[in-house]
Amino acid sequence: MNRAAGLALTKVKSVGIDEAPFPVEHSPGHPAADANGNVKMPNVDILVETADMRDATRAYEANLQVVKQSRDLLAMTLDLLKGA
């Protein structure tokens, strides 16, 4: 539908790999422990993920506001044309 309307499509430029090291914890009883009893934990940074989530939420809300404003302007234009 976007191509038929002549709209630009969103494309992914590149996908990167997070090179951050995995934190290692000593936990010999853990099922994922290596021979030394060390376990690699996820390298997810909660602060970065929360900031990314907030950024995505704000971008979505801004885009939603643009759609609402466009719809309102179109409705007002149609009302003006009906009166003419």
Protein backbone atom coordinates (compact mmCIF):
# COMPACT_ATOMS: atom_id res chain seq x y z
CA MET A 1 0.00 0.00 0.00
CA ASN A 2 2.87 2.41 0.74
CA ARG A 3 4.42 1.84 -2.68
CA ALA A 4 1.06 2.34 -4.41
CA ALA A 5 0.63 5.66 -2.59
CA GLY A 6 4.18 6.71 -3.52
CA LEU A 7 5.35 6.85 0.09
CA ALA A 8 8.91 6.22 1.16
CA LEU A 9 9.60 3.00 3.01
CA THR A 10 11.70 2.66 6.13
CA LYS A 11 14.77 0.50 5.67
CA VAL A 12 17.39 -0.80 8.10
CA LYS A 13 20.81 0.62 7.27
CA SER A 14 22.85 -1.83 9.27
CA VAL A 15 22.71 -4.21 12.20
CA GLY A 16 25.51 -4.05 14.72
CA ILE A 17 26.80 -6.46 17.30
CA ASP A 18 27.16 -5.34 20.90
CA GLU A 19 30.81 -5.80 21.79
CA ALA A 20 30.30 -5.16 25.52
CA PRO A 21 31.83 -7.90 27.64
CA PHE A 22 29.61 -10.30 29.53
CA PRO A 23 29.91 -9.97 33.31
CA VAL A 24 31.18 -13.18 34.86
CA GLU A 25 29.90 -14.48 38.20
CA HIS A 26 31.29 -17.37 40.18
CA SER A 27 28.39 -19.78 40.77
CA PRO A 28 29.49 -23.43 40.67
CA GLY A 29 25.94 -24.77 41.21
CA HIS A 30 24.49 -22.93 38.21
CA PRO A 31 23.54 -25.19 35.27
CA ALA A 32 25.32 -22.88 32.81
CA ALA A 33 28.58 -22.78 34.80
CA ASP A 34 31.79 -23.69 33.02
CA ALA A 35 34.47 -26.03 34.40
CA ASN A 36 35.75 -23.29 36.74
CA GLY A 37 32.25 -22.57 38.10
CA ASN A 38 31.95 -19.22 36.28
CA VAL A 39 28.73 -18.12 34.57
CA LYS A 40 28.53 -15.44 31.87
CA MET A 41 25.63 -13.15 32.69
CA PRO A 42 23.73 -11.03 30.11
CA ASN A 43 25.42 -7.80 29.07
CA VAL A 44 22.17 -5.81 29.00
CA ASP A 45 22.47 -2.30 30.42
CA ILE A 46 19.14 -1.40 32.02
CA LEU A 47 19.78 2.36 31.80
CA VAL A 48 20.51 2.22 28.07
CA GLU A 49 17.50 0.00 27.39
CA THR A 50 15.22 2.27 29.43
CA ALA A 51 16.47 5.35 27.58
CA ASP A 52 15.93 3.60 24.22
CA MET A 53 12.41 2.60 25.28
CA ARG A 54 11.56 6.17 26.30
CA ASP A 55 12.97 7.51 23.04
CA ALA A 56 10.91 5.05 21.01
CA THR A 57 7.78 5.87 23.02
CA ARG A 58 8.23 9.61 22.48
CA ALA A 59 8.84 9.13 18.76
CA TYR A 60 5.68 7.01 18.51
CA GLU A 61 3.64 9.61 20.39
CA ALA A 62 4.99 12.41 18.18
CA ASN A 63 4.11 10.46 15.03
CA LEU A 64 0.65 9.70 16.41
CA GLN A 65 0.12 13.40 17.08
CA VAL A 66 1.08 14.21 13.47
CA VAL A 67 -1.49 11.71 12.20
CA LYS A 68 -4.19 13.16 14.48
CA GLN A 69 -3.38 16.71 13.41
CA SER A 70 -3.43 15.73 9.73
CA ARG A 71 -6.81 14.07 10.18
CA ASP A 72 -8.19 17.17 11.93
CA LEU A 73 -6.88 19.48 9.21
CA LEU A 74 -8.39 17.29 6.52
CA ALA A 75 -11.74 17.27 8.32
CA MET A 76 -11.66 21.06 8.64
CA THR A 77 -10.84 21.39 4.93
CA LEU A 78 -13.77 19.15 4.01
CA ASP A 79 -16.08 21.17 6.25
CA LEU A 80 -14.94 24.37 4.50
CA LEU A 81 -15.56 22.82 1.09
CA LYS A 82 -19.04 21.66 2.11
CA GLY A 83 -19.97 25.20 3.09
CA ALA A 84 -18.78 26.71 -0.21
